[in-house]
Amino acid sequence: MISLNRNERLAKKSHFNDIVLEILPPLKNGITPTNQTILSVLEDIAERTENDCWRLKQIGQKKLFTE
């Protein structure tokens, strides 16, 4: 979830649709996940904020994306 980390550093909001649009292009030759699958993984590493925005969870997961 590169956009979550980048947007957090830039103080921007990460909307679900933006996250999906970032994930799908690299998967053009693979199996395309459903929005529900993406949402399931997203709920494991991030927390929902207002207006369908997301940010990395502050405990545990953030460390994975900053080192």
N, C-alpha and C. Protein backbone atom coordinates (compact mmCIF):
# COMPACT_ATOMS: atom_id res chain seq x y z
N MET A 1 0.83 -1.18 0.00
CA MET A 1 0.00 0.00 0.00
C MET A 1 0.88 1.25 0.00
N ILE A 2 1.53 1.43 -1.09
CA ILE A 2 2.46 2.54 -1.23
C ILE A 2 1.76 3.88 -1.07
N SER A 3 0.58 4.02 -1.64
CA SER A 3 -0.11 5.32 -1.57
C SER A 3 -0.45 5.70 -0.14
N LEU A 4 -0.76 4.73 0.71
CA LEU A 4 -1.06 5.05 2.11
C LEU A 4 0.13 5.68 2.79
N ASN A 5 1.29 5.11 2.62
CA ASN A 5 2.49 5.63 3.24
C ASN A 5 2.87 6.99 2.65
N ARG A 6 2.86 7.08 1.34
CA ARG A 6 3.21 8.34 0.67
C ARG A 6 2.24 9.45 1.03
N ASN A 7 0.96 9.17 0.98
CA ASN A 7 -0.03 10.19 1.30
C ASN A 7 0.04 10.63 2.75
N GLU A 8 0.38 9.70 3.64
CA GLU A 8 0.52 10.08 5.05
C GLU A 8 1.68 11.06 5.23
N ARG A 9 2.79 10.80 4.54
CA ARG A 9 3.93 11.72 4.62
C ARG A 9 3.61 13.08 4.03
N LEU A 10 2.77 13.11 2.99
CA LEU A 10 2.40 14.36 2.33
C LEU A 10 1.17 15.02 2.93
N ALA A 11 0.63 14.42 3.99
CA ALA A 11 -0.59 14.92 4.66
C ALA A 11 -1.78 14.97 3.70
N LYS A 12 -1.86 13.97 2.81
CA LYS A 12 -2.99 13.85 1.90
C LYS A 12 -3.86 12.68 2.36
N LYS A 13 -5.10 12.67 1.89
CA LYS A 13 -6.02 11.59 2.23
C LYS A 13 -5.94 10.49 1.18
N SER A 14 -6.08 9.26 1.62
CA SER A 14 -6.08 8.11 0.72
C SER A 14 -7.51 7.57 0.62
N HIS A 15 -8.14 7.78 -0.52
CA HIS A 15 -9.49 7.29 -0.76
C HIS A 15 -9.42 5.86 -1.29
N PHE A 16 -10.44 5.08 -0.99
CA PHE A 16 -10.46 3.68 -1.41
C PHE A 16 -10.28 3.55 -2.92
N ASN A 17 -10.97 4.34 -3.69
CA ASN A 17 -10.87 4.25 -5.14
C ASN A 17 -9.45 4.55 -5.63
N ASP A 18 -8.77 5.47 -5.01
CA ASP A 18 -7.39 5.77 -5.39
C ASP A 18 -6.47 4.60 -5.09
N ILE A 19 -6.72 3.93 -3.97
CA ILE A 19 -5.92 2.76 -3.59
C ILE A 19 -6.14 1.64 -4.60
N VAL A 20 -7.39 1.40 -4.96
CA VAL A 20 -7.71 0.36 -5.94
C VAL A 20 -7.04 0.68 -7.28
N LEU A 21 -7.11 1.91 -7.72
CA LEU A 21 -6.50 2.30 -9.00
C LEU A 21 -4.98 2.16 -8.98
N GLU A 22 -4.38 2.21 -7.82
CA GLU A 22 -2.94 2.02 -7.73
C GLU A 22 -2.58 0.54 -7.75
N ILE A 23 -3.44 -0.30 -7.22
CA ILE A 23 -3.17 -1.73 -7.14
C ILE A 23 -3.39 -2.44 -8.47
N LEU A 24 -4.42 -2.11 -9.18
CA LEU A 24 -4.81 -2.87 -10.37
C LEU A 24 -3.84 -2.81 -11.55
N PRO A 25 -3.29 -1.68 -11.95
CA PRO A 25 -2.42 -1.69 -13.13
C PRO A 25 -1.23 -2.66 -13.06
N PRO A 26 -0.53 -2.79 -11.94
CA PRO A 26 0.57 -3.76 -11.92
C PRO A 26 0.10 -5.22 -12.04
N LEU A 27 -1.17 -5.48 -11.85
CA LEU A 27 -1.70 -6.84 -11.90
C LEU A 27 -2.30 -7.20 -13.24
N LYS A 28 -1.97 -6.48 -14.31
CA LYS A 28 -2.63 -6.67 -15.59
C LYS A 28 -2.48 -8.09 -16.15
N ASN A 29 -1.41 -8.80 -15.82
CA ASN A 29 -1.24 -10.16 -16.32
C ASN A 29 -1.59 -11.21 -15.27
N GLY A 30 -2.06 -10.78 -14.13
CA GLY A 30 -2.41 -11.71 -13.06
C GLY A 30 -3.91 -11.74 -12.83
N ILE A 31 -4.28 -12.35 -11.74
CA ILE A 31 -5.69 -12.43 -11.36
C ILE A 31 -6.08 -11.11 -10.72
N THR A 32 -7.12 -10.49 -11.21
CA THR A 32 -7.59 -9.22 -10.68
C THR A 32 -8.42 -9.46 -9.43
N PRO A 33 -7.99 -8.90 -8.30
CA PRO A 33 -8.77 -9.08 -7.07
C PRO A 33 -10.05 -8.26 -7.10
N THR A 34 -11.04 -8.73 -6.38
CA THR A 34 -12.28 -7.97 -6.27
C THR A 34 -12.09 -6.83 -5.29
N ASN A 35 -12.97 -5.86 -5.34
CA ASN A 35 -12.91 -4.77 -4.38
C ASN A 35 -13.03 -5.29 -2.96
N GLN A 36 -13.81 -6.36 -2.77
CA GLN A 36 -13.97 -6.94 -1.43
C GLN A 36 -12.67 -7.54 -0.93
N THR A 37 -11.91 -8.17 -1.81
CA THR A 37 -10.61 -8.73 -1.42
C THR A 37 -9.65 -7.62 -1.03
N ILE A 38 -9.61 -6.57 -1.82
CA ILE A 38 -8.75 -5.42 -1.52
C ILE A 38 -9.17 -4.80 -0.19
N LEU A 39 -10.46 -4.66 0.02
CA LEU A 39 -10.96 -4.09 1.26
C LEU A 39 -10.57 -4.95 2.46
N SER A 40 -10.63 -6.26 2.31
CA SER A 40 -10.26 -7.17 3.39
C SER A 40 -8.80 -6.99 3.80
N VAL A 41 -7.91 -6.92 2.83
CA VAL A 41 -6.49 -6.71 3.12
C VAL A 41 -6.28 -5.32 3.70
N LEU A 42 -6.95 -4.35 3.14
CA LEU A 42 -6.83 -2.98 3.62
C LEU A 42 -7.24 -2.87 5.08
N GLU A 43 -8.29 -3.57 5.48
CA GLU A 43 -8.74 -3.53 6.88
C GLU A 43 -7.72 -4.14 7.83
N ASP A 44 -6.86 -5.05 7.32
CA ASP A 44 -5.82 -5.64 8.15
C ASP A 44 -4.68 -4.67 8.43
N ILE A 45 -4.36 -3.80 7.48
CA ILE A 45 -3.19 -2.95 7.64
C ILE A 45 -3.52 -1.48 7.86
N ALA A 46 -4.78 -1.11 7.66
CA ALA A 46 -5.14 0.31 7.76
C ALA A 46 -6.44 0.47 8.53
N GLU A 47 -6.73 1.71 8.84
CA GLU A 47 -7.98 2.03 9.53
C GLU A 47 -8.74 3.08 8.74
N ARG A 48 -10.05 2.93 8.74
CA ARG A 48 -10.90 3.86 7.99
C ARG A 48 -11.03 5.16 8.77
N THR A 49 -10.93 6.25 8.04
CA THR A 49 -11.16 7.57 8.62
C THR A 49 -12.43 8.12 7.99
N GLU A 50 -12.59 9.40 7.95
CA GLU A 50 -13.83 9.98 7.41
C GLU A 50 -13.90 9.88 5.89
N ASN A 51 -15.12 9.86 5.37
CA ASN A 51 -15.40 9.93 3.92
C ASN A 51 -14.67 8.87 3.09
N ASP A 52 -14.67 7.62 3.55
CA ASP A 52 -14.05 6.51 2.83
C ASP A 52 -12.56 6.73 2.59
N CYS A 53 -11.91 7.37 3.53
CA CYS A 53 -10.47 7.56 3.49
C CYS A 53 -9.81 6.54 4.41
N TRP A 54 -8.54 6.25 4.17
CA TRP A 54 -7.81 5.26 4.94
C TRP A 54 -6.45 5.79 5.34
N ARG A 55 -5.93 5.28 6.47
CA ARG A 55 -4.55 5.56 6.88
C ARG A 55 -3.99 4.31 7.51
N LEU A 56 -2.68 4.15 7.45
CA LEU A 56 -2.05 2.99 8.04
C LEU A 56 -2.34 2.93 9.52
N LYS A 57 -2.51 1.71 10.04
CA LYS A 57 -2.69 1.56 11.48
C LYS A 57 -1.44 2.08 12.17
N GLN A 58 -1.62 2.69 13.29
CA GLN A 58 -0.52 3.33 13.99
C GLN A 58 0.33 2.35 14.81
N ILE A 59 -0.20 1.17 15.08
CA ILE A 59 0.54 0.20 15.89
C ILE A 59 0.92 -0.99 15.02
N GLY A 60 2.17 -1.32 14.98
CA GLY A 60 2.63 -2.53 14.31
C GLY A 60 2.83 -2.40 12.81
N GLN A 61 1.77 -2.21 12.06
CA GLN A 61 1.86 -2.23 10.60
C GLN A 61 2.67 -1.08 10.03
N LYS A 62 2.59 0.09 10.64
CA LYS A 62 3.30 1.24 10.10
C LYS A 62 4.79 0.95 10.00
N LYS A 63 5.31 0.22 10.95
CA LYS A 63 6.72 -0.10 10.95
C LYS A 63 7.13 -0.90 9.71
N LEU A 64 6.24 -1.74 9.20
CA LEU A 64 6.53 -2.52 8.02
C LEU A 64 6.78 -1.67 6.79
N PHE A 65 6.11 -0.54 6.72
CA PHE A 65 6.18 0.29 5.51
C PHE A 65 7.17 1.44 5.62
N THR A 66 7.80 1.62 6.76
CA THR A 66 8.71 2.74 6.91
C THR A 66 10.17 2.33 7.00
N GLU A 67 10.45 1.06 7.14
CA GLU A 67 11.85 0.61 7.24
C GLU A 67 12.41 0.23 5.90
